[in-house]
Amino acid sequence: MELYKRISQEKAKEMMDTIKDCIVLDVRTKEEFEMGHIKGAVNFPNEDIDEDFLAIEDLDACILVYCRSGHRSLNASAKLGLIGYKNIYEFGGINTWKYEIVK
């Protein structure tokens, strides 16, 4: 069973621009998030995602996951899949993001 899909950053940007309710989830620390993040992203650190994670109520929600370099986002995506989320898309790290970053 596939817990999540890995997609390119180009595909992630396209989804952000075209899917109205897609959630962009930054799984870095609060401090990293405050230093700069993808516009519209919400911060929920990977370390805080566990079986009791209910920050996103809709298990069918479109969730785009990223971190700094891609390691934590893979881990977070797998955990979200095990919890029962169905539309998880992991797209790596912000350190290679070539689109807008806000502070």
Protein backbone atom coordinates (compact mmCIF):
# COMPACT_ATOMS: atom_id res chain seq x y z
CA MET A 1 0.00 0.00 0.00
CA GLU A 2 1.34 3.40 -0.97
CA LEU A 3 1.25 5.79 2.00
CA TYR A 4 2.13 8.91 -0.01
CA LYS A 5 3.32 10.08 -3.42
CA ARG A 6 6.63 11.79 -4.15
CA ILE A 7 6.25 14.60 -6.66
CA SER A 8 8.50 17.22 -8.20
CA GLN A 9 8.58 20.74 -6.87
CA GLU A 10 7.23 21.91 -10.22
CA LYS A 11 4.22 19.60 -9.82
CA ALA A 12 3.75 20.80 -6.22
CA LYS A 13 3.74 24.44 -7.35
CA GLU A 14 1.21 23.59 -10.07
CA MET A 15 -1.04 21.92 -7.48
CA MET A 16 -0.72 24.93 -5.15
CA ASP A 17 -1.80 27.19 -7.98
CA THR A 18 -4.72 25.06 -9.22
CA ILE A 19 -6.18 23.09 -6.28
CA LYS A 20 -7.99 25.57 -4.06
CA ASP A 21 -8.07 23.57 -0.83
CA CYS A 22 -4.65 21.92 -0.98
CA ILE A 23 -2.82 22.25 2.36
CA VAL A 24 0.89 23.10 2.19
CA LEU A 25 2.44 21.53 5.30
CA ASP A 26 5.87 22.68 6.48
CA VAL A 27 7.21 20.06 8.91
CA ARG A 28 10.30 21.99 10.01
CA THR A 29 10.67 23.55 13.45
CA LYS A 30 8.82 26.75 14.34
CA GLU A 31 12.14 28.64 14.27
CA GLU A 32 12.98 27.38 10.77
CA PHE A 33 9.47 28.24 9.57
CA GLU A 34 9.76 31.80 10.89
CA MET A 35 13.02 32.30 8.98
CA GLY A 36 11.15 31.77 5.70
CA HIS A 37 8.51 29.46 4.25
CA ILE A 38 6.41 28.82 1.18
CA LYS A 39 3.54 31.28 0.87
CA GLY A 40 0.37 29.89 2.42
CA ALA A 41 2.13 27.06 4.27
CA VAL A 42 1.11 25.95 7.74
CA ASN A 43 3.74 24.79 10.21
CA PHE A 44 3.45 21.53 12.09
CA PRO A 45 6.84 20.06 13.08
CA ASN A 46 7.52 16.46 12.08
CA GLU A 47 8.37 15.63 15.70
CA ASP A 48 4.82 16.57 16.75
CA ILE A 49 3.08 14.30 14.22
CA ASP A 50 1.93 11.13 15.98
CA GLU A 51 -1.08 8.81 16.02
CA ASP A 52 -3.09 11.51 17.83
CA PHE A 53 -2.46 14.11 15.08
CA LEU A 54 -5.76 15.82 14.31
CA ALA A 55 -4.61 19.22 13.06
CA ILE A 56 -6.15 18.35 9.69
CA GLU A 57 -9.61 16.89 10.26
CA ASP A 58 -10.31 15.71 6.69
CA LEU A 59 -8.45 12.45 5.99
CA ASP A 60 -9.11 13.01 2.27
CA ALA A 61 -7.57 16.50 2.21
CA CYS A 62 -4.86 17.22 -0.34
CA ILE A 63 -1.65 17.67 1.70
CA LEU A 64 1.64 18.88 0.17
CA VAL A 65 4.52 18.18 2.57
CA TYR A 66 8.00 19.74 2.65
CA CYS A 67 10.87 20.42 5.05
CA ARG A 68 14.40 21.81 4.65
CA SER A 69 16.12 19.12 2.59
CA GLY A 70 13.55 16.34 2.14
CA HIS A 71 14.33 13.92 4.97
CA ARG A 72 11.75 15.06 7.56
CA SER A 73 9.09 15.46 4.88
CA LEU A 74 9.50 11.80 3.89
CA ASN A 75 9.19 10.75 7.51
CA ALA A 76 6.18 13.01 8.14
CA SER A 77 4.45 11.84 4.96
CA ALA A 78 4.82 8.20 5.99
CA LYS A 79 3.42 8.97 9.45
CA LEU A 80 0.46 10.85 7.96
CA GLY A 81 -0.23 7.88 5.67
CA LEU A 82 -0.18 5.46 8.59
CA ILE A 83 -2.62 7.71 10.49
CA GLY A 84 -5.03 7.38 7.55
CA TYR A 85 -4.60 10.46 5.37
CA LYS A 86 -5.14 9.50 1.74
CA ASN A 87 -3.85 12.34 -0.48
CA ILE A 88 -0.32 13.09 0.69
CA TYR A 89 2.25 14.51 -1.72
CA GLU A 90 5.86 14.88 -0.59
CA PHE A 91 7.97 17.31 -2.59
CA GLY A 92 11.31 17.61 -0.80
CA GLY A 93 12.93 20.60 0.79
CA ILE A 94 12.70 24.36 0.72
CA ASN A 95 16.46 24.61 0.14
CA THR A 96 15.84 23.78 -3.55
CA TRP A 97 12.51 25.64 -3.90
CA LYS A 98 12.83 28.13 -6.74
CA TYR A 99 9.55 29.91 -6.20
CA GLU A 100 8.40 32.56 -3.71
CA ILE A 101 9.40 32.31 -0.05
CA VAL A 102 7.87 34.60 2.59
CA LYS A 103 8.92 35.55 6.10
